[in-house]
Amino acid sequence: MRNTFFLGIALFFAFNFHSQEIEPNIDLGLIAQANQGNSYVTFPTDIGNIEPLIFEGNLIPNFMLRQNKSSRLLGVFTPQIMIRMYNEFSHPVKTPSYMPMLTAYYLIGNREQSELLTVFGRLAHHSNGQNNDLILEDGSVNYNSGDFATNYFELGGIVTALNRKTYAIQFLKTSYEYHPENSVHKLLEGRYSRHRWHNEFSVFKLPKRDTKTKDKADISINLKTTWLFGNLPDTDAVSFDRLQASLTFSYYPTFLEDMGFFVQLYSGKDYYNVYFDENRTMIRFGLMTDKLRF
């Protein structure tokens, strides 16, 4: 009887020890990866007022530069490329977007706090590798081969927190983007917003666990908005035409190692180089990479 009693106590403590939830370790590298964005490819099923596409592909490889994992400062070089293949004769890829960027992240405060604050600064370029006139004689934009180029700075902050009730990691980011006058194609003046305010909220729902093995999120939700300042053609100072907004829901099934499915609702000015003055409202579906491990 006595042996049974002690065996029961041992099993009780063993069960509770192994079933205790292990909280994820949120480091600066993870914060940077989550906020640089994910590579994706869309299916040819876009719904909305965009030209029929075979796919849109967004390639975002991140190369991290830092001395050690305990460093508060982290540099990230990202040679981002976005392409659209159109559902036309010969399936052309028109004017790809080249968007290399260099970003520096700095972690502020105590690493042991439940909320972390990170500030970042970014130097970036956006062009399409063309050299023909951007604006045609009739005043319209040359979508086929017009030269598009701009450079910009971006400064912002990121608040990261673990919601223990839902067991989800949350990111709240805000930033200001500035395109200096002498770094923007001269024909974009008065047509393209040089001052932009970005806000983004992301949630990654994690599986509950009792080991230190890192897991990927089950689902994620991302809400992103951008407000376009400055002079824009036929646009009032306060108008929904100045708002870019997207809502993305992603699901990462266990049978896919490094990717998941996503559906996205987007509304606002097009983000694809020479198409900057086109208004889009669309729903798209596709595959998105997922290399975040919490």
C-alpha atoms as a PDB file:
ATOM      1  CA  MET A   1       0.000   0.000   0.000  1.00  0.00           C
ATOM      2  CA  ARG A   2       2.818   2.356   0.939  1.00  0.00           C
ATOM      3  CA  ASN A   3       4.666   1.620  -2.322  1.00  0.00           C
ATOM      4  CA  THR A   4       1.478   2.280  -4.307  1.00  0.00           C
ATOM      5  CA  PHE A   5       1.063   5.652  -2.554  1.00  0.00           C
ATOM      6  CA  PHE A   6       4.583   6.808  -3.409  1.00  0.00           C
ATOM      7  CA  LEU A   7       4.211   5.509  -6.980  1.00  0.00           C
ATOM      8  CA  GLY A   8       1.029   7.560  -7.372  1.00  0.00           C
ATOM      9  CA  ILE A   9       2.787  10.717  -6.162  1.00  0.00           C
ATOM     10  CA  ALA A  10       5.676  10.111  -8.566  1.00  0.00           C
ATOM     11  CA  LEU A  11       3.305   9.633 -11.519  1.00  0.00           C
ATOM     12  CA  PHE A  12       1.380  12.776 -10.553  1.00  0.00           C
ATOM     13  CA  PHE A  13       4.479  14.985 -10.538  1.00  0.00           C
ATOM     14  CA  ALA A  14       5.844  13.335 -13.683  1.00  0.00           C
ATOM     15  CA  PHE A  15       2.593  13.939 -15.554  1.00  0.00           C
ATOM     16  CA  ASN A  16       2.369  17.579 -14.497  1.00  0.00           C
ATOM     17  CA  PHE A  17       6.038  18.206 -15.284  1.00  0.00           C
ATOM     18  CA  HIS A  18       5.708  16.909 -18.832  1.00  0.00           C
ATOM     19  CA  SER A  19       2.362  18.577 -19.500  1.00  0.00           C
ATOM     20  CA  GLN A  20       3.573  22.037 -18.481  1.00  0.00           C
ATOM     21  CA  GLU A  21       3.435  24.414 -21.428  1.00  0.00           C
ATOM     22  CA  ILE A  22       6.771  25.717 -22.666  1.00  0.00           C
ATOM     23  CA  GLU A  23       6.544  29.343 -23.755  1.00  0.00           C
ATOM     24  CA  PRO A  24       8.239  30.272 -27.039  1.00  0.00           C
ATOM     25  CA  ASN A  25      11.527  32.144 -27.037  1.00  0.00           C
ATOM     26  CA  ILE A  26      11.048  35.388 -28.950  1.00  0.00           C
ATOM     27  CA  ASP A  27      14.391  36.734 -30.121  1.00  0.00           C
ATOM     28  CA  LEU A  28      15.385  39.582 -32.430  1.00  0.00           C
ATOM     29  CA  GLY A  29      15.922  37.260 -35.390  1.00  0.00           C
ATOM     30  CA  LEU A  30      12.359  35.972 -35.151  1.00  0.00           C
ATOM     31  CA  ILE A  31      10.971  39.519 -34.859  1.00  0.00           C
ATOM     32  CA  ALA A  32      12.876  40.558 -37.976  1.00  0.00           C
ATOM     33  CA  GLN A  33      11.788  37.509 -39.991  1.00  0.00           C
ATOM     34  CA  ALA A  34       8.132  37.947 -39.057  1.00  0.00           C
ATOM     35  CA  ASN A  35       8.138  41.580 -40.144  1.00  0.00           C
ATOM     36  CA  GLN A  36      10.185  41.324 -43.345  1.00  0.00           C
ATOM     37  CA  GLY A  37       7.331  39.431 -44.983  1.00  0.00           C
ATOM     38  CA  ASN A  38       6.963  35.988 -46.571  1.00  0.00           C
ATOM     39  CA  SER A  39       7.566  34.767 -50.091  1.00  0.00           C
ATOM     40  CA  TYR A  40       4.405  33.677 -51.874  1.00  0.00           C
ATOM     41  CA  VAL A  41       2.901  32.654 -55.195  1.00  0.00           C
ATOM     42  CA  THR A  42      -0.743  33.167 -56.137  1.00  0.00           C
ATOM     43  CA  PHE A  43      -3.046  30.795 -57.978  1.00  0.00           C
ATOM     44  CA  PRO A  44      -4.628  31.900 -61.311  1.00  0.00           C
ATOM     45  CA  THR A  45      -7.953  32.506 -59.549  1.00  0.00           C
ATOM     46  CA  ASP A  46      -7.812  36.220 -58.648  1.00  0.00           C
ATOM     47  CA  ILE A  47     -11.238  37.780 -58.173  1.00  0.00           C
ATOM     48  CA  GLY A  48     -11.475  41.515 -58.837  1.00  0.00           C
ATOM     49  CA  ASN A  49     -10.391  44.252 -61.199  1.00  0.00           C
ATOM     50  CA  ILE A  50      -6.895  43.066 -62.027  1.00  0.00           C
ATOM     51  CA  GLU A  51      -5.754  41.735 -65.389  1.00  0.00           C
ATOM     52  CA  PRO A  52      -5.935  37.906 -65.617  1.00  0.00           C
ATOM     53  CA  LEU A  53      -2.715  36.456 -64.214  1.00  0.00           C
ATOM     54  CA  ILE A  54      -1.091  33.062 -64.338  1.00  0.00           C
ATOM     55  CA  PHE A  55       0.506  33.974 -61.021  1.00  0.00           C
ATOM     56  CA  GLU A  56       2.049  36.729 -58.944  1.00  0.00           C
ATOM     57  CA  GLY A  57       5.271  35.699 -57.257  1.00  0.00           C
ATOM     58  CA  ASN A  58       6.948  37.568 -54.407  1.00  0.00           C
ATOM     59  CA  LEU A  59      10.460  36.359 -53.526  1.00  0.00           C
ATOM     60  CA  ILE A  60      11.774  37.667 -50.188  1.00  0.00           C
ATOM     61  CA  PRO A  61      15.054  35.989 -49.168  1.00  0.00           C
ATOM     62  CA  ASN A  62      16.524  37.466 -45.976  1.00  0.00           C
ATOM     63  CA  PHE A  63      20.240  37.497 -45.195  1.00  0.00           C
ATOM     64  CA  MET A  64      20.848  38.333 -41.529  1.00  0.00           C
ATOM     65  CA  LEU A  65      23.961  40.177 -40.368  1.00  0.00           C
ATOM     66  CA  ARG A  66      24.872  40.183 -36.668  1.00  0.00           C
ATOM     67  CA  GLN A  67      27.683  39.251 -34.320  1.00  0.00           C
ATOM     68  CA  ASN A  68      25.795  36.749 -32.133  1.00  0.00           C
ATOM     69  CA  LYS A  69      22.244  35.750 -31.222  1.00  0.00           C
ATOM     70  CA  SER A  70      22.316  37.765 -27.993  1.00  0.00           C
ATOM     71  CA  SER A  71      23.021  41.009 -29.835  1.00  0.00           C
ATOM     72  CA  ARG A  72      20.449  43.805 -29.623  1.00  0.00           C
ATOM     73  CA  LEU A  73      21.356  45.018 -33.124  1.00  0.00           C
ATOM     74  CA  LEU A  74      20.539  43.072 -36.282  1.00  0.00           C
ATOM     75  CA  GLY A  75      21.024  43.914 -39.948  1.00  0.00           C
ATOM     76  CA  VAL A  76      18.978  42.268 -42.703  1.00  0.00           C
ATOM     77  CA  PHE A  77      19.693  42.450 -46.438  1.00  0.00           C
ATOM     78  CA  THR A  78      16.699  41.508 -48.604  1.00  0.00           C
ATOM     79  CA  PRO A  79      16.979  41.351 -52.425  1.00  0.00           C
ATOM     80  CA  GLN A  80      13.212  41.240 -52.951  1.00  0.00           C
ATOM     81  CA  ILE A  81      11.781  40.578 -56.433  1.00  0.00           C
ATOM     82  CA  MET A  82       8.105  40.570 -57.433  1.00  0.00           C
ATOM     83  CA  ILE A  83       6.859  39.296 -60.791  1.00  0.00           C
ATOM     84  CA  ARG A  84       3.515  38.900 -62.515  1.00  0.00           C
ATOM     85  CA  MET A  85       2.965  36.452 -65.366  1.00  0.00           C
ATOM     86  CA  TYR A  86      -0.024  37.526 -67.431  1.00  0.00           C
ATOM     87  CA  ASN A  87      -2.578  35.201 -68.937  1.00  0.00           C
ATOM     88  CA  GLU A  88      -1.933  36.454 -72.464  1.00  0.00           C
ATOM     89  CA  PHE A  89      -0.290  35.113 -75.598  1.00  0.00           C
ATOM     90  CA  SER A  90       3.145  33.692 -74.718  1.00  0.00           C
ATOM     91  CA  HIS A  91       2.403  34.379 -70.997  1.00  0.00           C
ATOM     92  CA  PRO A  92       4.604  37.491 -70.694  1.00  0.00           C
ATOM     93  CA  VAL A  93       6.263  38.632 -67.464  1.00  0.00           C
ATOM     94  CA  LYS A  94       5.908  42.421 -67.626  1.00  0.00           C
ATOM     95  CA  THR A  95       8.200  44.903 -65.849  1.00  0.00           C
ATOM     96  CA  PRO A  96       9.219  42.939 -62.725  1.00  0.00           C
ATOM     97  CA  SER A  97       9.632  44.890 -59.493  1.00  0.00           C
ATOM     98  CA  TYR A  98      13.158  44.932 -58.053  1.00  0.00           C
ATOM     99  CA  MET A  99      13.040  45.962 -54.393  1.00  0.00           C
ATOM    100  CA  PRO A 100      16.359  45.415 -52.603  1.00  0.00           C
ATOM    101  CA  MET A 101      16.466  46.778 -49.061  1.00  0.00           C
ATOM    102  CA  LEU A 102      18.793  46.996 -46.076  1.00  0.00           C
ATOM    103  CA  THR A 103      17.111  47.045 -42.661  1.00  0.00           C
ATOM    104  CA  ALA A 104      18.582  47.564 -39.187  1.00  0.00           C
ATOM    105  CA  TYR A 105      16.639  46.367 -36.113  1.00  0.00           C
ATOM    106  CA  TYR A 106      17.428  47.357 -32.514  1.00  0.00           C
ATOM    107  CA  LEU A 107      15.809  45.720 -29.479  1.00  0.00           C
ATOM    108  CA  ILE A 108      14.988  48.099 -26.604  1.00  0.00           C
ATOM    109  CA  GLY A 109      14.442  47.218 -22.944  1.00  0.00           C
ATOM    110  CA  ASN A 110      14.474  44.010 -20.923  1.00  0.00           C
ATOM    111  CA  ARG A 111      14.402  40.783 -22.961  1.00  0.00           C
ATOM    112  CA  GLU A 112      12.523  39.024 -20.133  1.00  0.00           C
ATOM    113  CA  GLN A 113       9.480  41.317 -20.338  1.00  0.00           C
ATOM    114  CA  SER A 114       6.203  40.023 -21.731  1.00  0.00           C
ATOM    115  CA  GLU A 115       6.232  42.814 -24.319  1.00  0.00           C
ATOM    116  CA  LEU A 116       9.233  43.733 -26.443  1.00  0.00           C
ATOM    117  CA  LEU A 117       9.865  46.988 -28.308  1.00  0.00           C
ATOM    118  CA  THR A 118      11.998  47.024 -31.443  1.00  0.00           C
ATOM    119  CA  VAL A 119      12.859  50.050 -33.566  1.00  0.00           C
ATOM    120  CA  PHE A 120      14.036  49.771 -37.150  1.00  0.00           C
ATOM    121  CA  GLY A 121      15.356  51.832 -40.024  1.00  0.00           C
ATOM    122  CA  ARG A 122      15.365  50.857 -43.691  1.00  0.00           C
ATOM    123  CA  LEU A 123      16.992  52.026 -46.915  1.00  0.00           C
ATOM    124  CA  ALA A 124      15.240  50.632 -49.993  1.00  0.00           C
ATOM    125  CA  HIS A 125      14.984  50.853 -53.762  1.00  0.00           C
ATOM    126  CA  HIS A 126      12.097  50.060 -56.128  1.00  0.00           C
ATOM    127  CA  SER A 127      12.470  49.905 -59.901  1.00  0.00           C
ATOM    128  CA  ASN A 128      11.380  47.861 -62.895  1.00  0.00           C
ATOM    129  CA  GLY A 129      14.492  47.738 -65.095  1.00  0.00           C
ATOM    130  CA  GLN A 130      12.930  49.568 -68.061  1.00  0.00           C
ATOM    131  CA  ASN A 131      14.223  52.619 -69.947  1.00  0.00           C
ATOM    132  CA  ASN A 132      11.363  53.902 -72.109  1.00  0.00           C
ATOM    133  CA  ASP A 133       9.222  56.968 -71.373  1.00  0.00           C
ATOM    134  CA  LEU A 134       7.078  56.535 -68.287  1.00  0.00           C
ATOM    135  CA  ILE A 135       4.361  58.925 -69.492  1.00  0.00           C
ATOM    136  CA  LEU A 136       3.052  58.694 -73.066  1.00  0.00           C
ATOM    137  CA  GLU A 137       2.131  61.699 -75.263  1.00  0.00           C
ATOM    138  CA  ASP A 138      -1.543  61.396 -74.307  1.00  0.00           C
ATOM    139  CA  GLY A 139      -0.635  61.676 -70.601  1.00  0.00           C
ATOM    140  CA  SER A 140      -1.251  58.007 -69.759  1.00  0.00           C
ATOM    141  CA  VAL A 141       1.252  55.723 -68.064  1.00  0.00           C
ATOM    142  CA  ASN A 142       3.363  53.426 -70.231  1.00  0.00           C
ATOM    143  CA  TYR A 143       2.529  50.113 -68.578  1.00  0.00           C
ATOM    144  CA  ASN A 144       4.446  47.977 -71.056  1.00  0.00           C
ATOM    145  CA  SER A 145       7.945  49.482 -70.873  1.00  0.00           C
ATOM    146  CA  GLY A 146       7.835  52.721 -68.881  1.00  0.00           C
ATOM    147  CA  ASP A 147      10.803  53.515 -66.640  1.00  0.00           C
ATOM    148  CA  PHE A 148       9.891  53.402 -62.946  1.00  0.00           C
ATOM    149  CA  ALA A 149      12.406  54.062 -60.156  1.00  0.00           C
ATOM    150  CA  THR A 150      12.421  55.433 -56.604  1.00  0.00           C
ATOM    151  CA  ASN A 151      14.520  55.222 -53.426  1.00  0.00           C
ATOM    152  CA  TYR A 152      13.185  55.703 -49.931  1.00  0.00           C
ATOM    153  CA  PHE A 153      13.847  55.623 -46.188  1.00  0.00           C
ATOM    154  CA  GLU A 154      11.563  54.008 -43.637  1.00  0.00           C
ATOM    155  CA  LEU A 155      11.602  54.410 -39.848  1.00  0.00           C
ATOM    156  CA  GLY A 156       9.331  52.627 -37.403  1.00  0.00           C
ATOM    157  CA  GLY A 157       8.719  50.528 -34.312  1.00  0.00           C
ATOM    158  CA  ILE A 158       7.403  47.049 -33.520  1.00  0.00           C
ATOM    159  CA  VAL A 159       5.706  45.875 -30.311  1.00  0.00           C
ATOM    160  CA  THR A 160       5.859  42.100 -29.822  1.00  0.00           C
ATOM    161  CA  ALA A 161       3.840  40.233 -27.206  1.00  0.00           C
ATOM    162  CA  LEU A 162       2.708  36.724 -26.267  1.00  0.00           C
ATOM    163  CA  ASN A 163      -1.013  36.412 -25.583  1.00  0.00           C
ATOM    164  CA  ARG A 164      -1.088  33.603 -23.036  1.00  0.00           C
ATOM    165  CA  LYS A 165      -4.873  33.267 -23.119  1.00  0.00           C
ATOM    166  CA  THR A 166      -4.968  32.419 -26.822  1.00  0.00           C
ATOM    167  CA  TYR A 167      -1.336  31.234 -26.948  1.00  0.00           C
ATOM    168  CA  ALA A 168      -0.552  33.497 -29.895  1.00  0.00           C
ATOM    169  CA  ILE A 169       2.315  35.845 -30.708  1.00  0.00           C
ATOM    170  CA  GLN A 170       1.231  39.337 -31.742  1.00  0.00           C
ATOM    171  CA  PHE A 171       3.139  42.003 -33.671  1.00  0.00           C
ATOM    172  CA  LEU A 172       2.028  45.626 -33.912  1.00  0.00           C
ATOM    173  CA  LYS A 173       4.108  47.726 -36.313  1.00  0.00           C
ATOM    174  CA  THR A 174       3.917  51.352 -37.395  1.00  0.00           C
ATOM    175  CA  SER A 175       6.321  53.204 -39.685  1.00  0.00           C
ATOM    176  CA  TYR A 176       6.825  56.283 -41.827  1.00  0.00           C
ATOM    177  CA  GLU A 177       8.149  55.994 -45.384  1.00  0.00           C
ATOM    178  CA  TYR A 178       9.797  58.946 -47.133  1.00  0.00           C
ATOM    179  CA  HIS A 179      10.879  59.227 -50.775  1.00  0.00           C
ATOM    180  CA  PRO A 180      13.267  62.205 -51.162  1.00  0.00           C
ATOM    181  CA  GLU A 181      12.409  64.446 -54.096  1.00  0.00           C
ATOM    182  CA  ASN A 182      15.699  63.895 -55.928  1.00  0.00           C
ATOM    183  CA  SER A 183      15.455  60.087 -55.593  1.00  0.00           C
ATOM    184  CA  VAL A 184      12.121  59.665 -57.391  1.00  0.00           C
ATOM    185  CA  HIS A 185      11.695  59.553 -61.162  1.00  0.00           C
ATOM    186  CA  LYS A 186      10.947  63.159 -62.162  1.00  0.00           C
ATOM    187  CA  LEU A 187       7.810  62.162 -64.088  1.00  0.00           C
ATOM    188  CA  LEU A 188       6.348  60.614 -60.913  1.00  0.00           C
ATOM    189  CA  GLU A 189       6.131  64.026 -59.210  1.00  0.00           C
ATOM    190  CA  GLY A 190       2.491  64.847 -58.479  1.00  0.00           C
ATOM    191  CA  ARG A 191       1.437  61.302 -59.370  1.00  0.00           C
ATOM    192  CA  TYR A 192       3.191  59.146 -56.771  1.00  0.00           C
ATOM    193  CA  SER A 193       2.976  59.557 -52.983  1.00  0.00           C
ATOM    194  CA  ARG A 194       6.399  60.347 -51.475  1.00  0.00           C
ATOM    195  CA  HIS A 195       5.128  60.250 -47.864  1.00  0.00           C
ATOM    196  CA  ARG A 196       3.464  57.083 -46.565  1.00  0.00           C
ATOM    197  CA  TRP A 197       2.260  55.940 -43.161  1.00  0.00           C
ATOM    198  CA  HIS A 198       2.167  52.167 -42.610  1.00  0.00           C
ATOM    199  CA  ASN A 199       0.393  50.215 -39.867  1.00  0.00           C
ATOM    200  CA  GLU A 200       0.379  46.451 -39.495  1.00  0.00           C
ATOM    201  CA  PHE A 201      -1.046  43.954 -37.003  1.00  0.00           C
ATOM    202  CA  SER A 202      -0.116  40.259 -37.163  1.00  0.00           C
ATOM    203  CA  VAL A 203      -1.148  37.289 -35.026  1.00  0.00           C
ATOM    204  CA  PHE A 204       0.474  33.838 -35.131  1.00  0.00           C
ATOM    205  CA  LYS A 205      -1.533  31.138 -33.326  1.00  0.00           C
ATOM    206  CA  LEU A 206       0.822  28.505 -31.893  1.00  0.00           C
ATOM    207  CA  PRO A 207       0.155  24.872 -30.983  1.00  0.00           C
ATOM    208  CA  LYS A 208       0.401  24.206 -27.263  1.00  0.00           C
ATOM    209  CA  ARG A 209       3.403  22.086 -26.340  1.00  0.00           C
ATOM    210  CA  ASP A 210       5.270  20.567 -23.402  1.00  0.00           C
ATOM    211  CA  THR A 211       8.747  20.331 -24.950  1.00  0.00           C
ATOM    212  CA  LYS A 212      11.338  22.860 -26.053  1.00  0.00           C
ATOM    213  CA  THR A 213      11.035  21.768 -29.680  1.00  0.00           C
ATOM    214  CA  LYS A 214      10.219  24.797 -31.828  1.00  0.00           C
ATOM    215  CA  ASP A 215       6.968  24.640 -33.803  1.00  0.00           C
ATOM    216  CA  LYS A 216       5.436  26.656 -36.599  1.00  0.00           C
ATOM    217  CA  ALA A 217       2.148  28.488 -36.193  1.00  0.00           C
ATOM    218  CA  ASP A 218      -1.134  26.764 -37.048  1.00  0.00           C
ATOM    219  CA  ILE A 219      -2.730  29.893 -38.496  1.00  0.00           C
ATOM    220  CA  SER A 220      -1.853  33.555 -38.881  1.00  0.00           C
ATOM    221  CA  ILE A 221      -3.802  36.732 -39.575  1.00  0.00           C
ATOM    222  CA  ASN A 222      -2.282  39.924 -40.946  1.00  0.00           C
ATOM    223  CA  LEU A 223      -3.980  43.309 -41.278  1.00  0.00           C
ATOM    224  CA  LYS A 224      -1.994  46.004 -43.086  1.00  0.00           C
ATOM    225  CA  THR A 225      -2.875  49.604 -43.978  1.00  0.00           C
ATOM    226  CA  THR A 226      -1.001  52.405 -45.750  1.00  0.00           C
ATOM    227  CA  TRP A 227      -2.071  56.044 -46.011  1.00  0.00           C
ATOM    228  CA  LEU A 228      -0.742  57.984 -49.027  1.00  0.00           C
ATOM    229  CA  PHE A 229       0.084  61.663 -48.400  1.00  0.00           C
ATOM    230  CA  GLY A 230       0.928  64.409 -50.875  1.00  0.00           C
ATOM    231  CA  ASN A 231      -0.520  65.550 -54.190  1.00  0.00           C
ATOM    232  CA  LEU A 232      -2.285  62.805 -56.130  1.00  0.00           C
ATOM    233  CA  PRO A 233      -4.308  63.295 -59.354  1.00  0.00           C
ATOM    234  CA  ASP A 234      -8.053  63.807 -58.786  1.00  0.00           C
ATOM    235  CA  THR A 235      -7.726  62.858 -55.112  1.00  0.00           C
ATOM    236  CA  ASP A 236      -8.901  64.920 -52.130  1.00  0.00           C
ATOM    237  CA  ALA A 237      -6.677  65.354 -49.078  1.00  0.00           C
ATOM    238  CA  VAL A 238      -9.030  63.058 -47.129  1.00  0.00           C
ATOM    239  CA  SER A 239     -10.241  60.261 -49.374  1.00  0.00           C
ATOM    240  CA  PHE A 240     -10.459  56.478 -49.273  1.00  0.00           C
ATOM    241  CA  ASP A 241      -8.532  56.552 -52.558  1.00  0.00           C
ATOM    242  CA  ARG A 242      -5.462  57.280 -50.411  1.00  0.00           C
ATOM    243  CA  LEU A 243      -5.870  54.104 -48.379  1.00  0.00           C
ATOM    244  CA  GLN A 244      -4.206  50.803 -49.194  1.00  0.00           C
ATOM    245  CA  ALA A 245      -5.471  47.928 -47.063  1.00  0.00           C
ATOM    246  CA  SER A 246      -5.025  44.164 -47.019  1.00  0.00           C
ATOM    247  CA  LEU A 247      -6.297  41.349 -44.823  1.00  0.00           C
ATOM    248  CA  THR A 248      -4.499  38.011 -45.130  1.00  0.00           C
ATOM    249  CA  PHE A 249      -5.471  34.723 -43.502  1.00  0.00           C
ATOM    250  CA  SER A 250      -2.906  31.889 -43.657  1.00  0.00           C
ATOM    251  CA  TYR A 251      -3.190  28.230 -42.682  1.00  0.00           C
ATOM    252  CA  TYR A 252      -0.119  26.037 -42.214  1.00  0.00           C
ATOM    253  CA  PRO A 253      -1.033  22.331 -42.242  1.00  0.00           C
ATOM    254  CA  THR A 254       1.338  19.885 -40.590  1.00  0.00           C
ATOM    255  CA  PHE A 255       1.822  17.878 -43.809  1.00  0.00           C
ATOM    256  CA  LEU A 256       3.505  20.861 -45.500  1.00  0.00           C
ATOM    257  CA  GLU A 257       6.956  21.485 -44.036  1.00  0.00           C
ATOM    258  CA  ASP A 258       7.774  25.083 -45.012  1.00  0.00           C
ATOM    259  CA  MET A 259       4.642  26.498 -46.613  1.00  0.00           C
ATOM    260  CA  GLY A 260       0.939  27.055 -46.156  1.00  0.00           C
ATOM    261  CA  PHE A 261      -2.180  28.290 -47.911  1.00  0.00           C
ATOM    262  CA  PHE A 262      -3.402  31.867 -47.811  1.00  0.00           C
ATOM    263  CA  VAL A 263      -6.354  33.986 -48.890  1.00  0.00           C
ATOM    264  CA  GLN A 264      -6.012  37.758 -49.143  1.00  0.00           C
ATOM    265  CA  LEU A 265      -8.394  40.654 -49.591  1.00  0.00           C
ATOM    266  CA  TYR A 266      -6.717  43.775 -51.000  1.00  0.00           C
ATOM    267  CA  SER A 267      -8.067  47.236 -51.774  1.00  0.00           C
ATOM    268  CA  GLY A 268      -6.199  50.373 -52.845  1.00  0.00           C
ATOM    269  CA  LYS A 269      -3.603  51.615 -55.301  1.00  0.00           C
ATOM    270  CA  ASP A 270      -1.578  48.925 -57.021  1.00  0.00           C
ATOM    271  CA  TYR A 271       1.846  48.250 -55.439  1.00  0.00           C
ATOM    272  CA  TYR A 272       3.400  46.870 -58.664  1.00  0.00           C
ATOM    273  CA  ASN A 273       5.775  49.558 -60.077  1.00  0.00           C
ATOM    274  CA  VAL A 274       4.238  51.321 -63.158  1.00  0.00           C
ATOM    275  CA  TYR A 275       0.732  50.240 -62.131  1.00  0.00           C
ATOM    276  CA  PHE A 276       0.924  52.607 -59.127  1.00  0.00           C
ATOM    277  CA  ASP A 277      -2.055  54.709 -60.301  1.00  0.00           C
ATOM    278  CA  GLU A 278      -4.436  51.770 -60.825  1.00  0.00           C
ATOM    279  CA  ASN A 279      -7.116  51.118 -58.175  1.00  0.00           C
ATOM    280  CA  ARG A 280      -7.440  47.462 -57.209  1.00  0.00           C
ATOM    281  CA  THR A 281     -10.022  45.544 -55.224  1.00  0.00           C
ATOM    282  CA  MET A 282      -9.333  41.836 -55.318  1.00  0.00           C
ATOM    283  CA  ILE A 283      -9.376  38.512 -53.532  1.00  0.00           C
ATOM    284  CA  ARG A 284      -6.498  36.145 -54.177  1.00  0.00           C
ATOM    285  CA  PHE A 285      -5.440  32.667 -53.102  1.00  0.00           C
ATOM    286  CA  GLY A 286      -2.036  31.022 -53.053  1.00  0.00           C
ATOM    287  CA  LEU A 287       0.884  29.371 -51.288  1.00  0.00           C
ATOM    288  CA  MET A 288       3.051  31.201 -48.757  1.00  0.00           C
ATOM    289  CA  THR A 289       6.394  30.184 -47.279  1.00  0.00           C
ATOM    290  CA  ASP A 290       6.622  29.632 -43.534  1.00  0.00           C
ATOM    291  CA  LYS A 291      10.054  29.289 -41.961  1.00  0.00           C
ATOM    292  CA  LEU A 292       9.172  30.898 -38.644  1.00  0.00           C
ATOM    293  CA  ARG A 293       9.751  28.574 -35.704  1.00  0.00           C
ATOM    294  CA  PHE A 294       8.643  29.771 -32.260  1.00  0.00           C
END
